[in-house]
Amino acid sequence: QVKLVESGGGLVQPGESLRLSCAASGSIFGIETMGWYRQAPGKQRGLLATITQIGTTNYADNLGGRLTISIDNTKTLIYLQMNNLKPEDSAVYYCHVRTRWNEDYWGVGTQVTVSS
């Protein structure tokens, strides 16, 4: 079992930046990929970015270069730096892990609201 805890969400104004964090604990030795997804009301959960244990990143195509995913040296803490936030970025942001055994784990999510 892998436990994921997200933090860093909140209310920001358009154009501002935010950094989300996700800490993994438990059976971390099996982690292959960590990532971020988001889900807005009435929409499906969608991929934002993933990062492997060796730092290889993958981003969704429609982000305009505004997001950066990173991983710390312990390989159990990831970040999502979001710049120039827009109202359409408002959503619940979820941390995700996939293990080498193809198990998927999710955090409970953190709310990001972009509004003036």
C-alpha atoms as a PDB file:
ATOM      1  CA  GLN A   1       0.000   0.000   0.000  1.00  0.00           C
ATOM      2  CA  VAL A   2       1.149   3.484  -0.822  1.00  0.00           C
ATOM      3  CA  LYS A   3      -0.320   6.478   0.963  1.00  0.00           C
ATOM      4  CA  LEU A   4      -0.320   9.845  -0.779  1.00  0.00           C
ATOM      5  CA  VAL A   5      -0.898  13.185   0.881  1.00  0.00           C
ATOM      6  CA  GLU A   6      -1.288  16.320  -1.198  1.00  0.00           C
ATOM      7  CA  SER A   7      -0.847  19.869   0.041  1.00  0.00           C
ATOM      8  CA  GLY A   8      -0.523  23.388  -1.290  1.00  0.00           C
ATOM      9  CA  GLY A   9      -3.925  24.024  -2.800  1.00  0.00           C
ATOM     10  CA  GLY A  10      -5.924  27.149  -2.149  1.00  0.00           C
ATOM     11  CA  LEU A  11      -7.486  30.262  -3.589  1.00  0.00           C
ATOM     12  CA  VAL A  12      -5.364  32.394  -5.901  1.00  0.00           C
ATOM     13  CA  GLN A  13      -5.991  35.203  -8.349  1.00  0.00           C
ATOM     14  CA  PRO A  14      -5.576  34.845 -12.109  1.00  0.00           C
ATOM     15  CA  GLY A  15      -1.949  35.185 -13.148  1.00  0.00           C
ATOM     16  CA  GLU A  16      -0.577  34.010  -9.817  1.00  0.00           C
ATOM     17  CA  SER A  17       1.473  30.885  -9.148  1.00  0.00           C
ATOM     18  CA  LEU A  18       1.007  27.916  -6.852  1.00  0.00           C
ATOM     19  CA  ARG A  19       3.103  24.914  -5.917  1.00  0.00           C
ATOM     20  CA  LEU A  20       1.477  21.645  -4.949  1.00  0.00           C
ATOM     21  CA  SER A  21       3.273  18.927  -3.017  1.00  0.00           C
ATOM     22  CA  CYS A  22       2.613  15.212  -2.709  1.00  0.00           C
ATOM     23  CA  ALA A  23       4.288  12.990  -0.157  1.00  0.00           C
ATOM     24  CA  ALA A  24       4.299   9.221  -0.578  1.00  0.00           C
ATOM     25  CA  SER A  25       4.672   6.765   2.288  1.00  0.00           C
ATOM     26  CA  GLY A  26       4.213   3.066   2.874  1.00  0.00           C
ATOM     27  CA  SER A  27       5.419   0.601   0.233  1.00  0.00           C
ATOM     28  CA  ILE A  28       7.439   3.218  -1.621  1.00  0.00           C
ATOM     29  CA  PHE A  29      10.057   0.771  -2.907  1.00  0.00           C
ATOM     30  CA  GLY A  30       7.686  -0.333  -5.664  1.00  0.00           C
ATOM     31  CA  ILE A  31       6.951   3.124  -7.057  1.00  0.00           C
ATOM     32  CA  GLU A  32       7.725   3.559 -10.739  1.00  0.00           C
ATOM     33  CA  THR A  33       5.858   6.711 -11.707  1.00  0.00           C
ATOM     34  CA  MET A  34       4.299   9.579  -9.783  1.00  0.00           C
ATOM     35  CA  GLY A  35       2.050  12.169 -11.278  1.00  0.00           C
ATOM     36  CA  TRP A  36      -0.619  14.799 -11.063  1.00  0.00           C
ATOM     37  CA  TYR A  37      -4.162  14.763 -12.399  1.00  0.00           C
ATOM     38  CA  ARG A  38      -7.009  17.196 -11.982  1.00  0.00           C
ATOM     39  CA  GLN A  39     -10.777  17.065 -12.099  1.00  0.00           C
ATOM     40  CA  ALA A  40     -13.079  20.024 -12.515  1.00  0.00           C
ATOM     41  CA  PRO A  41     -16.785  19.818 -11.669  1.00  0.00           C
ATOM     42  CA  GLY A  42     -18.671  17.903 -14.329  1.00  0.00           C
ATOM     43  CA  LYS A  43     -15.502  16.820 -16.109  1.00  0.00           C
ATOM     44  CA  GLN A  44     -13.412  13.691 -16.154  1.00  0.00           C
ATOM     45  CA  ARG A  45     -10.165  13.421 -14.288  1.00  0.00           C
ATOM     46  CA  GLY A  46      -7.326  14.256 -16.658  1.00  0.00           C
ATOM     47  CA  LEU A  47      -3.591  13.791 -16.678  1.00  0.00           C
ATOM     48  CA  LEU A  48      -1.376  16.810 -16.122  1.00  0.00           C
ATOM     49  CA  ALA A  49       2.120  15.410 -15.745  1.00  0.00           C
ATOM     50  CA  THR A  50       4.071  12.368 -14.641  1.00  0.00           C
ATOM     51  CA  ILE A  51       7.628  11.795 -13.474  1.00  0.00           C
ATOM     52  CA  THR A  52       9.600   8.595 -13.062  1.00  0.00           C
ATOM     53  CA  GLN A  53      12.003   7.738 -10.267  1.00  0.00           C
ATOM     54  CA  ILE A  54      14.884   8.792 -12.498  1.00  0.00           C
ATOM     55  CA  GLY A  55      13.260  12.099 -13.350  1.00  0.00           C
ATOM     56  CA  THR A  56      11.835  11.465 -16.796  1.00  0.00           C
ATOM     57  CA  THR A  57       8.834  13.732 -17.245  1.00  0.00           C
ATOM     58  CA  ASN A  58       5.735  13.660 -19.400  1.00  0.00           C
ATOM     59  CA  TYR A  59       3.206  16.462 -19.773  1.00  0.00           C
ATOM     60  CA  ALA A  60      -0.271  16.719 -21.203  1.00  0.00           C
ATOM     61  CA  ASP A  61      -0.295  18.649 -24.465  1.00  0.00           C
ATOM     62  CA  ASN A  62      -2.666  21.451 -23.524  1.00  0.00           C
ATOM     63  CA  LEU A  63      -0.816  23.089 -20.652  1.00  0.00           C
ATOM     64  CA  GLY A  64       1.067  25.759 -22.576  1.00  0.00           C
ATOM     65  CA  GLY A  65       4.247  25.223 -20.615  1.00  0.00           C
ATOM     66  CA  ARG A  66       2.739  26.637 -17.438  1.00  0.00           C
ATOM     67  CA  LEU A  67       3.272  23.539 -15.303  1.00  0.00           C
ATOM     68  CA  THR A  68       6.462  21.902 -14.077  1.00  0.00           C
ATOM     69  CA  ILE A  69       6.637  18.593 -12.245  1.00  0.00           C
ATOM     70  CA  SER A  70       9.654  17.708 -10.129  1.00  0.00           C
ATOM     71  CA  ILE A  71      10.763  15.072  -7.646  1.00  0.00           C
ATOM     72  CA  ASP A  72      12.983  15.394  -4.605  1.00  0.00           C
ATOM     73  CA  ASN A  73      16.085  13.378  -3.778  1.00  0.00           C
ATOM     74  CA  THR A  74      14.167  10.933  -1.598  1.00  0.00           C
ATOM     75  CA  LYS A  75      12.030  10.040  -4.651  1.00  0.00           C
ATOM     76  CA  THR A  76       8.958  10.132  -2.416  1.00  0.00           C
ATOM     77  CA  LEU A  77       7.993  13.777  -2.680  1.00  0.00           C
ATOM     78  CA  ILE A  78       6.840  15.414  -5.890  1.00  0.00           C
ATOM     79  CA  TYR A  79       5.870  18.950  -6.712  1.00  0.00           C
ATOM     80  CA  LEU A  80       3.720  20.644  -9.305  1.00  0.00           C
ATOM     81  CA  GLN A  81       4.670  24.241  -9.982  1.00  0.00           C
ATOM     82  CA  MET A  82       1.835  26.077 -11.698  1.00  0.00           C
ATOM     83  CA  ASN A  83       2.368  29.536 -13.178  1.00  0.00           C
ATOM     84  CA  ASN A  84       0.062  32.099 -14.729  1.00  0.00           C
ATOM     85  CA  LEU A  85      -2.987  30.361 -13.334  1.00  0.00           C
ATOM     86  CA  LYS A  86      -6.327  30.857 -15.070  1.00  0.00           C
ATOM     87  CA  PRO A  87      -9.889  30.412 -13.829  1.00  0.00           C
ATOM     88  CA  GLU A  88     -10.157  27.289 -15.974  1.00  0.00           C
ATOM     89  CA  ASP A  89      -7.371  25.734 -13.887  1.00  0.00           C
ATOM     90  CA  SER A  90      -9.777  25.565 -10.947  1.00  0.00           C
ATOM     91  CA  ALA A  91     -10.183  21.903 -10.014  1.00  0.00           C
ATOM     92  CA  VAL A  92      -9.324  19.259  -7.482  1.00  0.00           C
ATOM     93  CA  TYR A  93      -5.738  18.195  -8.055  1.00  0.00           C
ATOM     94  CA  TYR A  94      -4.858  14.571  -7.357  1.00  0.00           C
ATOM     95  CA  CYS A  95      -1.537  12.877  -6.810  1.00  0.00           C
ATOM     96  CA  HIS A  96      -1.113   9.453  -8.394  1.00  0.00           C
ATOM     97  CA  VAL A  97       1.363   6.618  -8.119  1.00  0.00           C
ATOM     98  CA  ARG A  98       1.831   3.571 -10.305  1.00  0.00           C
ATOM     99  CA  THR A  99       3.958   0.736  -8.978  1.00  0.00           C
ATOM    100  CA  ARG A 100       6.063  -1.803 -10.795  1.00  0.00           C
ATOM    101  CA  TRP A 101       3.188  -4.248 -10.298  1.00  0.00           C
ATOM    102  CA  ASN A 102       0.779  -1.895 -12.118  1.00  0.00           C
ATOM    103  CA  GLU A 103      -1.003  -0.888  -8.921  1.00  0.00           C
ATOM    104  CA  ASP A 104      -2.558   2.575  -8.878  1.00  0.00           C
ATOM    105  CA  TYR A 105      -2.831   4.741  -5.794  1.00  0.00           C
ATOM    106  CA  TRP A 106      -4.487   8.120  -5.405  1.00  0.00           C
ATOM    107  CA  GLY A 107      -4.420  10.889  -2.877  1.00  0.00           C
ATOM    108  CA  VAL A 108      -7.620  12.486  -1.655  1.00  0.00           C
ATOM    109  CA  GLY A 109      -6.951  15.611  -3.669  1.00  0.00           C
ATOM    110  CA  THR A 110      -6.382  19.268  -2.973  1.00  0.00           C
ATOM    111  CA  GLN A 111      -8.653  22.051  -4.192  1.00  0.00           C
ATOM    112  CA  VAL A 112      -7.244  24.811  -6.366  1.00  0.00           C
ATOM    113  CA  THR A 113      -9.488  27.768  -7.063  1.00  0.00           C
ATOM    114  CA  VAL A 114      -8.441  30.577  -9.386  1.00  0.00           C
ATOM    115  CA  SER A 115     -10.696  33.573  -9.043  1.00  0.00           C
ATOM    116  CA  SER A 116     -10.525  37.325  -8.763  1.00  0.00           C
END
